[in-house]
């Protein structure tokens, strides 16, 4: 690596630490609430596993072309 090469990425990382934090919570809402209590912006994603996490049913749905 030549002198100065790669510093652009380092600058971007340093800038990242100075920016506002936004948390994406894909877990139970209580986790996001705990973060919000610390005055941090939270985006709550209401995600559930396909077929309620039932692997056999998920495989059936995938075989039917739905997933």
Protein backbone atom coordinates (compact mmCIF):
# COMPACT_ATOMS: atom_id res chain seq x y z
CA UNK A 1 0.00 0.00 0.00
CA UNK A 2 1.35 3.41 -0.92
CA UNK A 3 1.47 6.36 1.47
CA UNK A 4 -2.00 7.77 2.07
CA UNK A 5 -3.78 4.82 0.47
CA UNK A 6 -6.61 3.47 2.58
CA UNK A 7 -6.98 6.60 4.70
CA UNK A 8 -10.29 7.42 3.01
CA UNK A 9 -11.83 4.34 4.62
CA UNK A 10 -10.33 5.26 8.00
CA UNK A 11 -11.86 8.74 7.73
CA UNK A 12 -15.25 7.21 6.95
CA UNK A 13 -15.04 4.99 10.03
CA UNK A 14 -14.06 7.94 12.23
CA UNK A 15 -16.99 9.94 10.79
CA UNK A 16 -19.31 7.04 11.59
CA UNK A 17 -18.47 7.28 15.28
CA UNK A 18 -19.43 10.95 15.21
CA UNK A 19 -22.83 10.36 13.60
CA UNK A 20 -26.19 9.76 15.26
CA UNK A 21 -26.91 6.19 16.25
CA UNK A 22 -30.02 4.45 14.91
CA UNK A 23 -30.77 0.91 16.10
CA UNK A 24 -32.77 -1.59 14.05
CA UNK A 25 -34.46 -3.97 16.46
CA UNK A 26 -35.62 -7.29 15.03
CA UNK A 27 -36.18 -8.83 18.43
CA UNK A 28 -38.73 -8.42 21.17
CA UNK A 29 -40.04 -4.87 21.49
CA UNK A 30 -38.70 -4.68 25.06
CA UNK A 31 -35.14 -4.61 23.67
CA UNK A 32 -35.97 -1.61 21.51
CA UNK A 33 -37.74 0.09 24.42
CA UNK A 34 -34.59 -0.25 26.55
CA UNK A 35 -32.58 1.47 23.82
CA UNK A 36 -35.21 4.23 23.40
CA UNK A 37 -34.94 4.95 27.14
CA UNK A 38 -31.35 5.99 26.42
CA UNK A 39 -32.57 8.60 23.88
CA UNK A 40 -31.45 6.53 20.89
CA UNK A 41 -33.62 6.28 17.78
CA UNK A 42 -35.01 2.77 17.23
CA UNK A 43 -36.60 1.26 14.15
CA UNK A 44 -38.72 -1.72 15.25
CA UNK A 45 -39.07 -4.46 12.65
CA UNK A 46 -42.02 -6.80 13.16
CA UNK A 47 -40.42 -9.97 11.81
CA UNK A 48 -41.41 -13.56 12.45
CA UNK A 49 -39.88 -16.73 11.06
CA UNK A 50 -41.66 -18.30 8.10
CA UNK A 51 -44.33 -20.79 9.15
CA UNK A 52 -43.79 -19.82 12.78
CA UNK A 53 -40.36 -21.44 12.72
CA UNK A 54 -41.75 -24.87 11.80
CA UNK A 55 -39.04 -26.28 9.50
CA UNK A 56 -41.24 -28.97 7.97
CA UNK A 57 -43.95 -26.45 7.07
CA UNK A 58 -41.31 -24.03 5.76
CA UNK A 59 -39.92 -26.77 3.51
CA UNK A 60 -43.43 -27.50 2.19
CA UNK A 61 -44.04 -23.82 1.44
CA UNK A 62 -40.67 -23.57 -0.29
CA UNK A 63 -41.48 -26.65 -2.41
CA UNK A 64 -44.74 -24.98 -3.44
CA UNK A 65 -42.74 -21.98 -4.64
CA UNK A 66 -44.06 -19.56 -2.05
CA UNK A 67 -40.74 -18.79 -0.42
